[in-house]
């Protein structure tokens, strides 16, 4: 099973990123955010979910282990397949977790392929698996919020900014 790929992006073909790893090209399904961010001939590292079906073996790539783990949790919900899961993950890990933990059906209904019933299923089936909201949220201190805002103003996504702030020492 393929779990991680590191190589050069050759191109996007039929919706897949073709990643050259030591002369072997892997076709990997990736989200729109990755497609917007990483262009051909750039190097990238992807955490991989290998999805095996009767008639196909598909690879799905994510830029963080956190995204991969949430994607795999989403696949446990009946009615959520890998392509839909990929679309959901594009909304950002933190936003998805908060929507699940707060029971925000409307958040999921704005995502293509997700209706009210599937939105409710996602929330009901994953709420207990995610734990408490405090586990995933940063401290709401003024300095932290100011730092997040500054990073976002510099062009980083909320997810990237939160990841960077989490790596800072607490003192």
N, C-alpha and C. Protein backbone atom coordinates (compact mmCIF):
# COMPACT_ATOMS: atom_id res chain seq x y z
N UNK A 1 0.85 -1.18 0.00
CA UNK A 1 0.00 0.00 0.00
C UNK A 1 0.89 1.24 0.00
N UNK A 2 0.54 2.20 -0.82
CA UNK A 2 1.29 3.44 -0.91
C UNK A 2 0.75 4.41 0.14
N UNK A 3 1.64 4.97 0.96
CA UNK A 3 1.22 5.86 2.04
C UNK A 3 1.75 7.27 1.90
N UNK A 4 2.83 7.46 1.14
CA UNK A 4 3.46 8.77 1.04
C UNK A 4 4.23 8.85 -0.27
N UNK A 5 4.13 9.99 -0.93
CA UNK A 5 4.88 10.22 -2.16
C UNK A 5 5.56 11.58 -2.08
N UNK A 6 6.80 11.60 -2.54
CA UNK A 6 7.54 12.86 -2.60
C UNK A 6 8.22 12.91 -3.96
N UNK A 7 7.87 13.94 -4.74
CA UNK A 7 8.44 14.03 -6.07
C UNK A 7 8.05 15.30 -6.76
N UNK A 8 8.23 15.32 -8.07
CA UNK A 8 7.96 16.51 -8.87
C UNK A 8 6.63 16.34 -9.59
N UNK A 9 5.82 17.38 -9.54
CA UNK A 9 4.56 17.38 -10.25
C UNK A 9 4.85 17.53 -11.74
N UNK A 10 4.43 16.54 -12.52
CA UNK A 10 4.63 16.59 -13.97
C UNK A 10 3.54 17.45 -14.60
N UNK A 11 2.30 17.12 -14.27
CA UNK A 11 1.17 17.84 -14.84
C UNK A 11 -0.11 17.33 -14.19
N UNK A 12 -1.23 17.94 -14.58
CA UNK A 12 -2.54 17.44 -14.17
C UNK A 12 -3.19 16.84 -15.40
N UNK A 13 -3.56 15.56 -15.32
CA UNK A 13 -4.19 14.87 -16.44
C UNK A 13 -5.48 14.22 -15.96
N UNK A 14 -6.57 14.53 -16.61
CA UNK A 14 -7.90 13.98 -16.27
C UNK A 14 -8.21 14.14 -14.78
N UNK A 15 -7.91 15.30 -14.23
CA UNK A 15 -8.23 15.57 -12.84
C UNK A 15 -7.23 15.05 -11.84
N UNK A 16 -6.24 14.31 -12.29
CA UNK A 16 -5.24 13.74 -11.38
C UNK A 16 -3.91 14.49 -11.51
N UNK A 17 -3.21 14.56 -10.40
CA UNK A 17 -1.85 15.10 -10.43
C UNK A 17 -0.93 13.93 -10.77
N UNK A 18 -0.06 14.12 -11.75
CA UNK A 18 0.92 13.09 -12.08
C UNK A 18 2.21 13.48 -11.37
N UNK A 19 2.61 12.65 -10.41
CA UNK A 19 3.78 12.92 -9.59
C UNK A 19 4.90 11.97 -9.99
N UNK A 20 6.02 12.55 -10.41
CA UNK A 20 7.20 11.76 -10.80
C UNK A 20 8.04 11.50 -9.57
N UNK A 21 8.12 10.22 -9.18
CA UNK A 21 8.94 9.81 -8.05
C UNK A 21 10.02 8.88 -8.61
N UNK A 22 11.22 9.41 -8.74
CA UNK A 22 12.35 8.64 -9.29
C UNK A 22 12.02 7.96 -10.61
N UNK A 23 11.39 8.68 -11.51
CA UNK A 23 11.12 8.16 -12.84
C UNK A 23 9.82 7.40 -13.00
N UNK A 24 9.07 7.23 -11.92
CA UNK A 24 7.77 6.55 -11.99
C UNK A 24 6.69 7.60 -11.76
N UNK A 25 5.73 7.69 -12.68
CA UNK A 25 4.64 8.66 -12.56
C UNK A 25 3.43 8.06 -11.89
N UNK A 26 3.02 8.65 -10.78
CA UNK A 26 1.83 8.20 -10.05
C UNK A 26 0.69 9.17 -10.31
N UNK A 27 -0.47 8.66 -10.68
CA UNK A 27 -1.67 9.49 -10.84
C UNK A 27 -2.37 9.59 -9.50
N UNK A 28 -2.47 10.79 -8.97
CA UNK A 28 -3.03 11.00 -7.63
C UNK A 28 -4.16 12.02 -7.69
N UNK A 29 -5.33 11.65 -7.17
CA UNK A 29 -6.44 12.59 -7.06
C UNK A 29 -6.09 13.58 -5.95
N UNK A 30 -6.20 14.86 -6.24
CA UNK A 30 -5.94 15.90 -5.24
C UNK A 30 -7.06 16.92 -5.27
N UNK A 31 -7.20 17.67 -4.19
CA UNK A 31 -8.23 18.70 -4.09
C UNK A 31 -7.88 19.93 -4.92
N UNK A 32 -8.88 20.75 -5.13
CA UNK A 32 -8.70 21.98 -5.92
C UNK A 32 -7.68 22.92 -5.31
N UNK A 33 -7.60 22.96 -3.98
CA UNK A 33 -6.65 23.87 -3.33
C UNK A 33 -5.21 23.50 -3.67
N UNK A 34 -4.94 22.22 -3.74
CA UNK A 34 -3.59 21.78 -4.12
C UNK A 34 -3.32 22.16 -5.57
N UNK A 35 -4.32 21.96 -6.44
CA UNK A 35 -4.15 22.30 -7.85
C UNK A 35 -3.86 23.79 -8.04
N UNK A 36 -4.50 24.62 -7.23
CA UNK A 36 -4.29 26.07 -7.33
C UNK A 36 -2.91 26.47 -6.82
N UNK A 37 -2.44 25.74 -5.83
CA UNK A 37 -1.20 26.11 -5.13
C UNK A 37 0.06 25.57 -5.79
N UNK A 38 0.01 24.36 -6.30
CA UNK A 38 1.21 23.70 -6.81
C UNK A 38 1.11 23.58 -8.33
N UNK A 39 2.09 24.11 -8.99
CA UNK A 39 2.12 24.10 -10.46
C UNK A 39 3.09 23.04 -10.97
N UNK A 40 2.99 22.74 -12.26
CA UNK A 40 3.87 21.74 -12.89
C UNK A 40 5.34 22.10 -12.66
N UNK A 41 6.14 21.07 -12.51
CA UNK A 41 7.60 21.15 -12.29
C UNK A 41 7.97 21.53 -10.86
N UNK A 42 7.00 21.71 -9.97
CA UNK A 42 7.30 21.99 -8.57
C UNK A 42 7.35 20.67 -7.81
N UNK A 43 8.13 20.66 -6.73
CA UNK A 43 8.22 19.47 -5.89
C UNK A 43 7.11 19.51 -4.84
N UNK A 44 6.60 18.34 -4.51
CA UNK A 44 5.57 18.25 -3.49
C UNK A 44 5.69 16.94 -2.73
N UNK A 45 5.11 16.96 -1.54
CA UNK A 45 5.03 15.77 -0.69
C UNK A 45 3.56 15.54 -0.39
N UNK A 46 3.12 14.31 -0.56
CA UNK A 46 1.71 13.99 -0.34
C UNK A 46 1.55 12.77 0.55
N UNK A 47 0.67 12.90 1.53
CA UNK A 47 0.24 11.74 2.31
C UNK A 47 -0.85 11.08 1.48
N UNK A 48 -0.78 9.78 1.33
CA UNK A 48 -1.63 9.07 0.37
C UNK A 48 -2.63 8.14 1.05
N UNK A 49 -3.85 8.19 0.54
CA UNK A 49 -4.86 7.18 0.87
C UNK A 49 -5.01 6.31 -0.37
N UNK A 50 -4.77 5.03 -0.24
CA UNK A 50 -4.93 4.10 -1.36
C UNK A 50 -6.33 3.51 -1.27
N UNK A 51 -7.14 3.79 -2.28
CA UNK A 51 -8.53 3.33 -2.28
C UNK A 51 -8.65 2.18 -3.28
N UNK A 52 -8.96 1.01 -2.77
CA UNK A 52 -9.05 -0.19 -3.61
C UNK A 52 -10.52 -0.52 -3.84
N UNK A 53 -10.86 -0.64 -5.12
CA UNK A 53 -12.21 -1.09 -5.51
C UNK A 53 -12.05 -2.33 -6.37
N UNK A 54 -13.15 -2.92 -6.71
CA UNK A 54 -13.12 -4.13 -7.53
C UNK A 54 -12.45 -3.89 -8.88
N UNK A 55 -12.71 -2.71 -9.45
CA UNK A 55 -12.23 -2.43 -10.80
C UNK A 55 -11.14 -1.36 -10.87
N UNK A 56 -10.68 -0.85 -9.73
CA UNK A 56 -9.67 0.23 -9.78
C UNK A 56 -8.90 0.33 -8.47
N UNK A 57 -7.73 0.92 -8.59
CA UNK A 57 -6.92 1.26 -7.43
C UNK A 57 -6.58 2.75 -7.58
N UNK A 58 -7.15 3.58 -6.71
CA UNK A 58 -6.97 5.03 -6.82
C UNK A 58 -6.16 5.56 -5.65
N UNK A 59 -5.35 6.57 -5.94
CA UNK A 59 -4.56 7.24 -4.91
C UNK A 59 -5.14 8.63 -4.69
N UNK A 60 -5.28 9.02 -3.42
CA UNK A 60 -5.77 10.34 -3.06
C UNK A 60 -4.69 11.00 -2.21
N UNK A 61 -4.29 12.22 -2.58
CA UNK A 61 -3.17 12.88 -1.93
C UNK A 61 -3.55 14.10 -1.12
N UNK A 62 -2.83 14.27 0.01
CA UNK A 62 -3.09 15.37 0.94
C UNK A 62 -1.76 15.95 1.40
N UNK A 63 -1.76 17.25 1.66
CA UNK A 63 -0.52 17.92 2.04
C UNK A 63 -0.19 17.74 3.52
N UNK A 64 -1.14 17.27 4.32
CA UNK A 64 -0.85 17.06 5.74
C UNK A 64 -1.47 15.75 6.22
N UNK A 65 -0.88 15.21 7.25
CA UNK A 65 -1.39 13.98 7.85
C UNK A 65 -2.78 14.22 8.44
N UNK A 66 -2.98 15.43 8.95
CA UNK A 66 -4.26 15.83 9.54
C UNK A 66 -5.38 15.74 8.50
N UNK A 67 -5.12 16.20 7.28
CA UNK A 67 -6.11 16.12 6.21
C UNK A 67 -6.41 14.67 5.85
N UNK A 68 -5.37 13.87 5.76
CA UNK A 68 -5.53 12.45 5.43
C UNK A 68 -6.39 11.75 6.48
N UNK A 69 -6.11 11.99 7.75
CA UNK A 69 -6.87 11.33 8.81
C UNK A 69 -8.33 11.73 8.80
N UNK A 70 -8.62 13.01 8.57
CA UNK A 70 -10.01 13.45 8.51
C UNK A 70 -10.70 12.86 7.27
N UNK A 71 -9.99 12.80 6.16
CA UNK A 71 -10.52 12.19 4.94
C UNK A 71 -10.92 10.73 5.21
N UNK A 72 -10.05 9.99 5.87
CA UNK A 72 -10.33 8.59 6.17
C UNK A 72 -11.52 8.46 7.12
N UNK A 73 -11.68 9.40 8.04
CA UNK A 73 -12.86 9.41 8.91
C UNK A 73 -14.12 9.67 8.09
N UNK A 74 -14.05 10.61 7.16
CA UNK A 74 -15.21 10.91 6.32
C UNK A 74 -15.65 9.69 5.51
N UNK A 75 -14.70 8.88 5.08
CA UNK A 75 -15.04 7.70 4.29
C UNK A 75 -15.81 6.65 5.10
N UNK A 76 -15.77 6.75 6.42
CA UNK A 76 -16.53 5.81 7.25
C UNK A 76 -18.02 6.13 7.25
N UNK A 77 -18.39 7.31 6.76
CA UNK A 77 -19.79 7.72 6.72
C UNK A 77 -20.42 7.18 5.44
N UNK A 78 -21.52 6.43 5.58
CA UNK A 78 -22.19 5.91 4.38
C UNK A 78 -22.70 7.09 3.56
N UNK A 79 -22.48 7.02 2.25
CA UNK A 79 -22.90 8.11 1.38
C UNK A 79 -21.77 9.08 1.04
N UNK A 80 -20.63 8.93 1.71
CA UNK A 80 -19.47 9.79 1.41
C UNK A 80 -18.39 8.91 0.78
N UNK A 81 -18.18 9.12 -0.50
CA UNK A 81 -17.13 8.40 -1.21
C UNK A 81 -15.87 9.24 -1.27
N UNK A 82 -14.81 8.71 -1.86
CA UNK A 82 -13.55 9.44 -1.89
C UNK A 82 -13.58 10.77 -2.64
N UNK A 83 -14.32 10.85 -3.74
CA UNK A 83 -14.37 12.11 -4.48
C UNK A 83 -15.12 13.18 -3.68
N UNK A 84 -16.21 12.79 -3.03
CA UNK A 84 -16.94 13.73 -2.18
C UNK A 84 -16.08 14.12 -0.98
N UNK A 85 -15.39 13.14 -0.40
CA UNK A 85 -14.50 13.42 0.72
C UNK A 85 -13.42 14.43 0.36
N UNK A 86 -12.91 14.33 -0.84
CA UNK A 86 -11.88 15.26 -1.33
C UNK A 86 -12.45 16.68 -1.42
N UNK A 87 -13.67 16.80 -1.89
CA UNK A 87 -14.32 18.11 -1.98
C UNK A 87 -14.53 18.68 -0.58
N UNK A 88 -14.93 17.84 0.36
CA UNK A 88 -15.14 18.30 1.73
C UNK A 88 -13.82 18.78 2.34
N UNK A 89 -12.75 18.01 2.17
CA UNK A 89 -11.45 18.36 2.75
C UNK A 89 -10.96 19.71 2.26
N UNK A 90 -11.33 20.10 1.04
CA UNK A 90 -10.94 21.41 0.51
C UNK A 90 -11.47 22.57 1.36
N UNK A 91 -12.45 22.31 2.21
CA UNK A 91 -13.02 23.37 3.05
C UNK A 91 -12.11 23.72 4.23
N UNK A 92 -11.11 22.88 4.48
CA UNK A 92 -10.19 23.13 5.59
C UNK A 92 -10.51 22.26 6.79
N UNK A 93 -9.51 21.63 7.35
CA UNK A 93 -9.68 20.69 8.45
C UNK A 93 -10.35 21.33 9.66
N UNK A 94 -9.88 22.50 10.05
CA UNK A 94 -10.42 23.16 11.24
C UNK A 94 -11.89 23.52 11.05
N UNK A 95 -12.22 24.07 9.89
CA UNK A 95 -13.61 24.45 9.62
C UNK A 95 -14.52 23.23 9.63
N UNK A 96 -14.06 22.13 9.09
CA UNK A 96 -14.86 20.90 9.05
C UNK A 96 -15.08 20.37 10.47
N UNK A 97 -14.02 20.32 11.23
CA UNK A 97 -14.14 19.84 12.62
C UNK A 97 -15.10 20.69 13.42
N UNK A 98 -14.97 22.00 13.30
CA UNK A 98 -15.86 22.89 14.04
C UNK A 98 -17.30 22.70 13.60
N UNK A 99 -17.54 22.55 12.30
CA UNK A 99 -18.90 22.36 11.80
C UNK A 99 -19.50 21.07 12.35
N UNK A 100 -18.69 20.01 12.41
CA UNK A 100 -19.17 18.73 12.94
C UNK A 100 -19.49 18.87 14.42
N UNK A 101 -18.57 19.44 15.17
CA UNK A 101 -18.75 19.54 16.61
C UNK A 101 -19.86 20.50 17.01
N UNK A 102 -20.13 21.50 16.18
CA UNK A 102 -21.21 22.45 16.47
C UNK A 102 -22.54 22.02 15.85
N UNK A 103 -22.51 20.95 15.05
CA UNK A 103 -23.74 20.47 14.42
C UNK A 103 -24.23 21.39 13.30
N UNK A 104 -23.31 22.01 12.58
CA UNK A 104 -23.64 22.99 11.54
C UNK A 104 -23.96 22.31 10.21
N UNK A 105 -25.22 21.93 10.04
CA UNK A 105 -25.68 21.26 8.83
C UNK A 105 -25.51 22.17 7.62
N UNK A 106 -25.76 23.45 7.79
CA UNK A 106 -25.66 24.43 6.70
C UNK A 106 -24.27 24.48 6.08
N UNK A 107 -23.23 24.32 6.89
CA UNK A 107 -21.86 24.32 6.39
C UNK A 107 -21.69 23.24 5.33
N UNK A 108 -22.15 22.05 5.63
CA UNK A 108 -21.98 20.92 4.70
C UNK A 108 -22.89 21.04 3.48
N UNK A 109 -24.05 21.67 3.65
CA UNK A 109 -24.98 21.80 2.53
C UNK A 109 -24.47 22.77 1.47
N UNK A 110 -23.49 23.60 1.80
CA UNK A 110 -22.91 24.50 0.80
C UNK A 110 -21.89 23.79 -0.09
N UNK A 111 -21.53 22.56 0.29
CA UNK A 111 -20.54 21.78 -0.45
C UNK A 111 -21.25 20.97 -1.53
N UNK A 112 -20.75 21.03 -2.79
CA UNK A 112 -21.37 20.23 -3.85
C UNK A 112 -21.42 18.74 -3.47
N UNK A 113 -22.47 18.07 -3.87
CA UNK A 113 -22.69 16.63 -3.64
C UNK A 113 -23.21 16.31 -2.22
N UNK A 114 -23.39 17.33 -1.37
CA UNK A 114 -23.85 17.08 0.00
C UNK A 114 -25.23 17.71 0.17
N UNK A 115 -26.21 16.86 0.45
CA UNK A 115 -27.56 17.34 0.74
C UNK A 115 -27.77 17.34 2.25
N UNK A 116 -28.99 17.67 2.65
CA UNK A 116 -29.30 17.77 4.08
C UNK A 116 -29.11 16.44 4.80
N UNK A 117 -29.58 15.34 4.19
CA UNK A 117 -29.46 14.04 4.85
C UNK A 117 -28.00 13.62 5.04
N UNK A 118 -27.18 13.81 3.99
CA UNK A 118 -25.76 13.46 4.12
C UNK A 118 -25.06 14.37 5.12
N UNK A 119 -25.42 15.63 5.14
CA UNK A 119 -24.83 16.57 6.10
C UNK A 119 -25.13 16.11 7.53
N UNK A 120 -26.38 15.72 7.77
CA UNK A 120 -26.77 15.24 9.09
C UNK A 120 -26.03 13.95 9.45
N UNK A 121 -25.89 13.05 8.46
CA UNK A 121 -25.18 11.79 8.69
C UNK A 121 -23.72 12.04 9.08
N UNK A 122 -23.07 12.95 8.37
CA UNK A 122 -21.67 13.27 8.67
C UNK A 122 -21.54 13.75 10.11
N UNK A 123 -22.41 14.65 10.50
CA UNK A 123 -22.35 15.22 11.86
C UNK A 123 -22.63 14.15 12.91
N UNK A 124 -23.68 13.39 12.71
CA UNK A 124 -24.07 12.37 13.70
C UNK A 124 -22.98 11.29 13.84
N UNK A 125 -22.47 10.81 12.71
CA UNK A 125 -21.52 9.70 12.75
C UNK A 125 -20.11 10.11 13.18
N UNK A 126 -19.73 11.38 12.97
CA UNK A 126 -18.35 11.77 13.28
C UNK A 126 -18.20 12.60 14.55
N UNK A 127 -19.29 13.12 15.08
CA UNK A 127 -19.20 13.99 16.26
C UNK A 127 -18.50 13.29 17.42
N UNK A 128 -18.88 12.07 17.71
CA UNK A 128 -18.27 11.36 18.84
C UNK A 128 -16.83 10.95 18.56
N UNK A 129 -16.47 10.83 17.28
CA UNK A 129 -15.11 10.41 16.93
C UNK A 129 -14.11 11.57 17.02
N UNK A 130 -14.59 12.79 16.99
CA UNK A 130 -13.69 13.93 16.98
C UNK A 130 -13.29 14.41 18.38
N UNK A 131 -14.05 14.10 19.39
CA UNK A 131 -13.69 14.57 20.73
C UNK A 131 -14.20 15.97 20.95
N UNK A 132 -13.59 16.67 21.87
CA UNK A 132 -14.07 18.00 22.22
C UNK A 132 -13.46 19.06 21.32
N UNK A 133 -14.20 20.14 21.16
CA UNK A 133 -13.76 21.25 20.32
C UNK A 133 -12.47 21.86 20.84
N UNK A 134 -12.29 21.86 22.14
CA UNK A 134 -11.09 22.45 22.75
C UNK A 134 -9.83 21.74 22.30
N UNK A 135 -9.93 20.46 22.01
CA UNK A 135 -8.77 19.69 21.57
C UNK A 135 -8.18 20.24 20.28
N UNK A 136 -9.03 20.81 19.42
CA UNK A 136 -8.57 21.26 18.12
C UNK A 136 -8.41 22.77 18.02
N UNK A 137 -9.01 23.52 18.90
CA UNK A 137 -8.93 24.97 18.83
C UNK A 137 -7.68 25.49 19.51
N UNK A 138 -7.21 26.60 19.00
CA UNK A 138 -6.10 27.29 19.65
C UNK A 138 -6.65 28.08 20.82
N UNK A 139 -5.78 28.45 21.72
CA UNK A 139 -6.19 29.33 22.81
C UNK A 139 -6.70 30.63 22.18
N UNK A 140 -7.70 31.21 22.76
CA UNK A 140 -8.31 32.41 22.19
C UNK A 140 -7.64 33.70 22.68
N UNK A 141 -6.39 33.62 23.07
CA UNK A 141 -5.66 34.81 23.53
C UNK A 141 -5.50 35.83 22.44
N UNK A 142 -5.39 37.10 22.84
CA UNK A 142 -5.27 38.19 21.88
C UNK A 142 -4.04 38.08 21.01
N UNK A 143 -2.90 37.67 21.59
CA UNK A 143 -1.68 37.55 20.80
C UNK A 143 -1.83 36.49 19.71
N UNK A 144 -2.43 35.38 20.06
CA UNK A 144 -2.62 34.30 19.09
C UNK A 144 -3.52 34.76 17.95
N UNK A 145 -4.62 35.41 18.29
CA UNK A 145 -5.54 35.89 17.26
C UNK A 145 -4.89 36.93 16.36
N UNK A 146 -4.07 37.81 16.96
CA UNK A 146 -3.37 38.83 16.18
C UNK A 146 -2.37 38.17 15.22
N UNK A 147 -1.68 37.15 15.70
CA UNK A 147 -0.71 36.45 14.87
C UNK A 147 -1.41 35.73 13.72
N UNK A 148 -2.55 35.09 14.01
CA UNK A 148 -3.33 34.43 12.96
C UNK A 148 -3.76 35.44 11.89
N UNK A 149 -4.26 36.58 12.34
CA UNK A 149 -4.71 37.62 11.40
C UNK A 149 -3.55 38.12 10.54
N UNK A 150 -2.40 38.32 11.16
CA UNK A 150 -1.22 38.79 10.42
C UNK A 150 -0.80 37.79 9.35
N UNK A 151 -0.76 36.51 9.70
CA UNK A 151 -0.38 35.48 8.74
C UNK A 151 -1.38 35.40 7.58
N UNK A 152 -2.66 35.52 7.90
CA UNK A 152 -3.68 35.47 6.85
C UNK A 152 -3.57 36.69 5.94
N UNK A 153 -3.24 37.84 6.50
CA UNK A 153 -3.05 39.05 5.69
C UNK A 153 -1.85 38.92 4.76
N UNK A 154 -0.90 38.06 5.14
CA UNK A 154 0.29 37.84 4.31
C UNK A 154 0.01 36.80 3.21
N UNK A 155 -1.21 36.27 3.17
CA UNK A 155 -1.57 35.36 2.09
C UNK A 155 -1.68 33.90 2.49
N UNK A 156 -1.40 33.57 3.74
CA UNK A 156 -1.53 32.19 4.19
C UNK A 156 -3.00 31.88 4.44
N UNK A 157 -3.40 30.63 4.17
CA UNK A 157 -4.77 30.22 4.47
C UNK A 157 -4.92 30.11 5.98
N UNK A 158 -6.15 30.10 6.45
CA UNK A 158 -6.39 29.98 7.90
C UNK A 158 -5.77 28.69 8.42
N UNK A 159 -5.91 27.62 7.65
CA UNK A 159 -5.36 26.32 8.05
C UNK A 159 -3.83 26.38 8.19
N UNK A 160 -3.15 26.99 7.22
CA UNK A 160 -1.69 27.11 7.27
C UNK A 160 -1.26 27.98 8.45
N UNK A 161 -1.98 29.07 8.67
CA UNK A 161 -1.65 29.97 9.77
C UNK A 161 -1.82 29.27 11.11
N UNK A 162 -2.90 28.51 11.29
CA UNK A 162 -3.14 27.79 12.55
C UNK A 162 -2.06 26.74 12.77
N UNK A 163 -1.66 26.06 11.70
CA UNK A 163 -0.61 25.04 11.82
C UNK A 163 0.70 25.69 12.29
N UNK A 164 1.02 26.86 11.73
CA UNK A 164 2.25 27.56 12.10
C UNK A 164 2.20 28.02 13.56
N UNK A 165 1.07 28.54 14.00
CA UNK A 165 0.92 29.03 15.37
C UNK A 165 1.00 27.87 16.37
N UNK A 166 0.45 26.73 16.00
CA UNK A 166 0.51 25.56 16.90
C UNK A 166 1.94 25.12 17.16
N UNK A 167 2.84 25.38 16.21
CA UNK A 167 4.22 24.93 16.36
C UNK A 167 5.05 25.87 17.22
N UNK A 168 4.51 27.03 17.57
CA UNK A 168 5.23 27.98 18.42
C UNK A 168 5.26 27.49 19.86
N UNK A 169 6.34 27.80 20.61
CA UNK A 169 6.37 27.42 22.03
C UNK A 169 5.30 28.19 22.81
N UNK A 170 4.80 27.61 23.89
CA UNK A 170 3.72 28.20 24.67
C UNK A 170 4.13 29.37 25.55
N UNK A 171 5.39 29.58 25.76
CA UNK A 171 5.81 30.67 26.64
C UNK A 171 6.12 31.88 25.86
